[in-house]
N, C-alpha and C. Protein backbone atom coordinates (compact mmCIF):
# COMPACT_ATOMS: atom_id res chain seq x y z
N MET A 1 10.19 26.92 11.53
CA MET A 1 10.12 27.01 10.09
C MET A 1 11.09 25.99 9.48
N ALA A 2 10.60 25.22 8.55
CA ALA A 2 11.42 24.20 7.90
C ALA A 2 12.33 24.84 6.85
N ILE A 3 13.49 24.28 6.71
CA ILE A 3 14.43 24.75 5.69
C ILE A 3 14.07 24.08 4.37
N ARG A 4 13.97 24.87 3.32
CA ARG A 4 13.68 24.34 1.98
C ARG A 4 14.97 24.30 1.18
N ILE A 5 15.19 23.15 0.58
CA ILE A 5 16.34 23.01 -0.30
C ILE A 5 15.89 23.35 -1.71
N HIS A 6 16.65 24.18 -2.38
CA HIS A 6 16.31 24.57 -3.74
C HIS A 6 16.27 23.32 -4.62
N PRO A 7 15.26 23.22 -5.50
CA PRO A 7 15.13 22.04 -6.36
C PRO A 7 16.39 21.71 -7.17
N SER A 8 17.20 22.70 -7.47
CA SER A 8 18.40 22.44 -8.27
C SER A 8 19.42 21.58 -7.51
N PHE A 9 19.26 21.48 -6.19
CA PHE A 9 20.15 20.63 -5.40
C PHE A 9 19.70 19.18 -5.37
N ALA A 10 18.54 18.91 -5.93
CA ALA A 10 18.01 17.55 -5.96
C ALA A 10 18.66 16.79 -7.11
N ILE A 11 19.52 15.85 -6.78
CA ILE A 11 20.24 15.08 -7.78
C ILE A 11 19.62 13.70 -7.88
N HIS A 12 19.33 13.26 -9.09
CA HIS A 12 18.78 11.91 -9.27
C HIS A 12 19.82 10.90 -8.77
N PRO A 13 19.40 9.96 -7.93
CA PRO A 13 20.37 9.01 -7.39
C PRO A 13 21.07 8.19 -8.47
N GLY A 14 20.40 7.98 -9.60
CA GLY A 14 21.03 7.24 -10.69
C GLY A 14 22.23 7.96 -11.25
N ASP A 15 22.13 9.28 -11.38
CA ASP A 15 23.27 10.06 -11.87
C ASP A 15 24.46 9.93 -10.92
N TRP A 16 24.17 10.03 -9.64
CA TRP A 16 25.22 9.92 -8.62
C TRP A 16 25.82 8.52 -8.61
N LEU A 17 24.96 7.51 -8.64
CA LEU A 17 25.45 6.13 -8.64
C LEU A 17 26.33 5.86 -9.86
N LYS A 18 25.91 6.38 -11.00
CA LYS A 18 26.66 6.16 -12.24
C LYS A 18 28.08 6.70 -12.14
N THR A 19 28.19 7.97 -11.73
CA THR A 19 29.52 8.60 -11.72
C THR A 19 30.36 8.24 -10.51
N GLU A 20 29.74 8.23 -9.34
CA GLU A 20 30.51 8.07 -8.11
C GLU A 20 30.72 6.62 -7.68
N ILE A 21 29.89 5.72 -8.16
CA ILE A 21 30.00 4.33 -7.73
C ILE A 21 30.35 3.40 -8.90
N VAL A 22 29.47 3.33 -9.88
CA VAL A 22 29.65 2.36 -10.96
C VAL A 22 30.89 2.66 -11.80
N GLN A 23 30.96 3.86 -12.35
CA GLN A 23 32.13 4.21 -13.18
C GLN A 23 33.40 4.26 -12.35
N ALA A 24 33.30 4.73 -11.12
CA ALA A 24 34.48 4.82 -10.25
C ALA A 24 35.08 3.44 -9.98
N HIS A 25 34.24 2.41 -10.00
CA HIS A 25 34.72 1.05 -9.77
C HIS A 25 34.98 0.30 -11.08
N GLY A 26 34.78 0.97 -12.21
CA GLY A 26 35.06 0.36 -13.50
C GLY A 26 34.14 -0.79 -13.86
N VAL A 27 32.90 -0.71 -13.39
CA VAL A 27 31.93 -1.78 -13.65
C VAL A 27 31.07 -1.41 -14.84
N SER A 28 30.86 -2.35 -15.75
CA SER A 28 30.01 -2.09 -16.91
C SER A 28 28.54 -2.31 -16.54
N ILE A 29 27.67 -1.73 -17.32
CA ILE A 29 26.23 -1.92 -17.09
C ILE A 29 25.86 -3.39 -17.24
N ASN A 30 26.44 -4.06 -18.21
CA ASN A 30 26.15 -5.49 -18.40
C ASN A 30 26.57 -6.31 -17.18
N ASP A 31 27.77 -6.04 -16.66
CA ASP A 31 28.25 -6.77 -15.48
C ASP A 31 27.39 -6.46 -14.26
N LEU A 32 26.99 -5.20 -14.14
CA LEU A 32 26.15 -4.80 -13.01
C LEU A 32 24.79 -5.49 -13.08
N ALA A 33 24.19 -5.50 -14.26
CA ALA A 33 22.89 -6.16 -14.44
C ALA A 33 22.98 -7.64 -14.10
N GLU A 34 24.04 -8.27 -14.55
CA GLU A 34 24.22 -9.70 -14.28
C GLU A 34 24.40 -9.95 -12.78
N ALA A 35 25.23 -9.15 -12.14
CA ALA A 35 25.47 -9.31 -10.70
C ALA A 35 24.20 -9.07 -9.89
N PHE A 36 23.36 -8.13 -10.34
CA PHE A 36 22.13 -7.78 -9.62
C PHE A 36 20.96 -8.70 -9.97
N GLY A 37 21.09 -9.46 -11.05
CA GLY A 37 20.00 -10.34 -11.48
C GLY A 37 18.83 -9.57 -12.05
N VAL A 38 19.14 -8.46 -12.74
CA VAL A 38 18.11 -7.63 -13.36
C VAL A 38 18.49 -7.39 -14.82
N SER A 39 17.58 -6.79 -15.58
CA SER A 39 17.88 -6.53 -16.99
C SER A 39 18.84 -5.35 -17.14
N ARG A 40 19.57 -5.38 -18.24
CA ARG A 40 20.47 -4.27 -18.57
C ARG A 40 19.67 -2.99 -18.72
N GLN A 41 18.48 -3.10 -19.30
CA GLN A 41 17.62 -1.93 -19.52
C GLN A 41 17.22 -1.27 -18.20
N SER A 42 16.92 -2.06 -17.17
CA SER A 42 16.52 -1.46 -15.90
C SER A 42 17.69 -0.71 -15.25
N ILE A 43 18.88 -1.26 -15.34
CA ILE A 43 20.06 -0.57 -14.80
C ILE A 43 20.34 0.69 -15.60
N SER A 44 20.29 0.59 -16.92
CA SER A 44 20.55 1.74 -17.77
C SER A 44 19.54 2.85 -17.52
N SER A 45 18.27 2.51 -17.39
CA SER A 45 17.24 3.52 -17.12
C SER A 45 17.49 4.23 -15.81
N LEU A 46 17.87 3.49 -14.79
CA LEU A 46 18.16 4.09 -13.49
C LEU A 46 19.38 5.01 -13.58
N LEU A 47 20.47 4.50 -14.11
CA LEU A 47 21.73 5.26 -14.13
C LEU A 47 21.66 6.48 -15.04
N ASN A 48 20.74 6.48 -15.99
CA ASN A 48 20.60 7.63 -16.87
C ASN A 48 19.44 8.54 -16.47
N GLY A 49 18.90 8.31 -15.27
CA GLY A 49 17.89 9.21 -14.71
C GLY A 49 16.51 9.08 -15.32
N ARG A 50 16.24 7.99 -16.01
CA ARG A 50 14.92 7.80 -16.62
C ARG A 50 13.98 6.97 -15.75
N ALA A 51 14.51 6.36 -14.70
CA ALA A 51 13.70 5.54 -13.80
C ALA A 51 14.09 5.88 -12.36
N ALA A 52 13.13 5.76 -11.48
CA ALA A 52 13.37 6.02 -10.06
C ALA A 52 14.08 4.81 -9.43
N LEU A 53 14.79 5.09 -8.37
CA LEU A 53 15.45 4.05 -7.60
C LEU A 53 14.43 3.37 -6.69
N SER A 54 14.31 2.07 -6.79
CA SER A 54 13.41 1.32 -5.91
C SER A 54 14.17 0.89 -4.66
N ALA A 55 13.42 0.52 -3.65
CA ALA A 55 14.05 0.04 -2.41
C ALA A 55 14.85 -1.23 -2.67
N ASP A 56 14.32 -2.12 -3.50
CA ASP A 56 15.05 -3.35 -3.84
C ASP A 56 16.38 -3.05 -4.51
N MET A 57 16.35 -2.11 -5.44
CA MET A 57 17.58 -1.75 -6.15
C MET A 57 18.57 -1.08 -5.20
N ALA A 58 18.07 -0.26 -4.28
CA ALA A 58 18.94 0.39 -3.30
C ALA A 58 19.65 -0.67 -2.45
N ILE A 59 18.94 -1.71 -2.09
CA ILE A 59 19.54 -2.80 -1.30
C ILE A 59 20.58 -3.54 -2.13
N ARG A 60 20.31 -3.72 -3.41
CA ARG A 60 21.30 -4.36 -4.28
C ARG A 60 22.61 -3.55 -4.31
N PHE A 61 22.48 -2.22 -4.44
CA PHE A 61 23.68 -1.37 -4.43
C PHE A 61 24.39 -1.44 -3.08
N GLU A 62 23.63 -1.52 -2.02
CA GLU A 62 24.23 -1.64 -0.69
C GLU A 62 25.06 -2.91 -0.59
N HIS A 63 24.49 -4.02 -1.04
CA HIS A 63 25.21 -5.30 -0.97
C HIS A 63 26.44 -5.31 -1.88
N ALA A 64 26.33 -4.71 -3.05
CA ALA A 64 27.42 -4.75 -4.02
C ALA A 64 28.54 -3.76 -3.72
N PHE A 65 28.17 -2.56 -3.23
CA PHE A 65 29.16 -1.50 -3.11
C PHE A 65 29.30 -0.92 -1.70
N GLY A 66 28.41 -1.29 -0.79
CA GLY A 66 28.52 -0.82 0.59
C GLY A 66 27.86 0.52 0.88
N VAL A 67 27.27 1.15 -0.13
CA VAL A 67 26.57 2.42 0.09
C VAL A 67 25.21 2.10 0.71
N LYS A 68 24.87 2.79 1.79
CA LYS A 68 23.65 2.47 2.54
C LYS A 68 22.39 2.70 1.71
N ALA A 69 21.50 1.72 1.73
CA ALA A 69 20.23 1.81 1.00
C ALA A 69 19.41 2.99 1.51
N GLU A 70 19.46 3.26 2.80
CA GLU A 70 18.71 4.38 3.38
C GLU A 70 19.17 5.71 2.80
N THR A 71 20.46 5.85 2.61
CA THR A 71 21.02 7.07 2.02
C THR A 71 20.51 7.24 0.59
N LEU A 72 20.54 6.17 -0.16
CA LEU A 72 20.08 6.22 -1.55
C LEU A 72 18.59 6.53 -1.63
N MET A 73 17.80 5.97 -0.72
CA MET A 73 16.36 6.23 -0.74
C MET A 73 16.07 7.67 -0.33
N ARG A 74 16.87 8.25 0.57
CA ARG A 74 16.71 9.67 0.92
C ARG A 74 17.03 10.54 -0.29
N MET A 75 18.04 10.15 -1.06
CA MET A 75 18.37 10.89 -2.29
C MET A 75 17.20 10.86 -3.25
N GLN A 76 16.56 9.69 -3.39
CA GLN A 76 15.42 9.57 -4.30
C GLN A 76 14.25 10.42 -3.82
N ALA A 77 13.98 10.39 -2.51
CA ALA A 77 12.87 11.20 -1.97
C ALA A 77 13.14 12.68 -2.15
N ARG A 78 14.38 13.11 -1.91
CA ARG A 78 14.75 14.51 -2.07
C ARG A 78 14.60 14.93 -3.54
N TYR A 79 15.00 14.05 -4.44
CA TYR A 79 14.87 14.34 -5.87
C TYR A 79 13.40 14.46 -6.26
N ASP A 80 12.58 13.50 -5.82
CA ASP A 80 11.15 13.52 -6.14
C ASP A 80 10.48 14.79 -5.61
N LEU A 81 10.80 15.16 -4.38
CA LEU A 81 10.20 16.36 -3.80
C LEU A 81 10.69 17.61 -4.51
N GLY A 82 11.96 17.64 -4.87
CA GLY A 82 12.49 18.79 -5.62
C GLY A 82 11.79 18.97 -6.95
N LYS A 83 11.54 17.86 -7.64
CA LYS A 83 10.83 17.93 -8.91
C LYS A 83 9.39 18.39 -8.71
N ALA A 84 8.74 17.92 -7.66
CA ALA A 84 7.37 18.34 -7.36
C ALA A 84 7.32 19.82 -7.00
N ARG A 85 8.31 20.30 -6.27
CA ARG A 85 8.35 21.71 -5.87
C ARG A 85 8.45 22.63 -7.09
N GLU A 86 9.04 22.15 -8.17
CA GLU A 86 9.15 22.97 -9.37
C GLU A 86 7.78 23.34 -9.93
N HIS A 87 6.77 22.54 -9.61
CA HIS A 87 5.41 22.76 -10.11
C HIS A 87 4.43 23.07 -8.99
N GLU A 88 4.95 23.42 -7.85
CA GLU A 88 4.12 23.68 -6.68
C GLU A 88 3.10 24.79 -6.92
N ALA A 89 3.50 25.81 -7.66
CA ALA A 89 2.61 26.95 -7.92
C ALA A 89 1.39 26.55 -8.75
N ASP A 90 1.48 25.45 -9.45
CA ASP A 90 0.37 24.98 -10.29
C ASP A 90 -0.71 24.25 -9.48
N LEU A 91 -0.43 23.94 -8.23
CA LEU A 91 -1.38 23.20 -7.41
C LEU A 91 -2.42 24.13 -6.80
N ALA A 92 -3.66 23.75 -6.93
CA ALA A 92 -4.75 24.54 -6.36
C ALA A 92 -5.31 23.76 -5.17
N VAL A 93 -4.89 24.15 -3.98
CA VAL A 93 -5.31 23.44 -2.76
C VAL A 93 -5.74 24.49 -1.74
N ARG A 94 -6.90 24.27 -1.16
CA ARG A 94 -7.34 25.20 -0.12
C ARG A 94 -6.99 24.63 1.24
N SER A 95 -6.71 25.50 2.16
CA SER A 95 -6.34 25.10 3.52
C SER A 95 -7.53 24.51 4.25
N LEU A 96 -7.29 23.50 5.03
CA LEU A 96 -8.33 22.87 5.84
C LEU A 96 -8.15 23.16 7.33
N VAL A 97 -7.24 24.05 7.64
CA VAL A 97 -6.96 24.40 9.03
C VAL A 97 -7.48 25.80 9.32
N SER A 98 -8.11 25.95 10.43
CA SER A 98 -8.58 27.28 10.83
C SER A 98 -7.43 28.05 11.44
N VAL A 99 -7.38 29.32 11.10
CA VAL A 99 -6.29 30.17 11.62
C VAL A 99 -6.73 30.83 12.89
């Protein structure tokens, strides 16, 4: 039996990156966008939880701050699954496996 993590434990990676990495290092959104070669809006959307973390962006954070891209992508997957689980009861799917 698989262990299910309660959806409330699913933290958007942008929220974590904002508080634990970006703010902790005293980096502004403008400086981060410039260093990453992306728009300020894309960084702001990610850090404020309005956009998902892409693999490219995860690699940028890895290069800039040393946090593993794989770890960040697992956070994003866990967050996405947690959000989907909140609406799991609304899904109407019949089993295709014989018991």
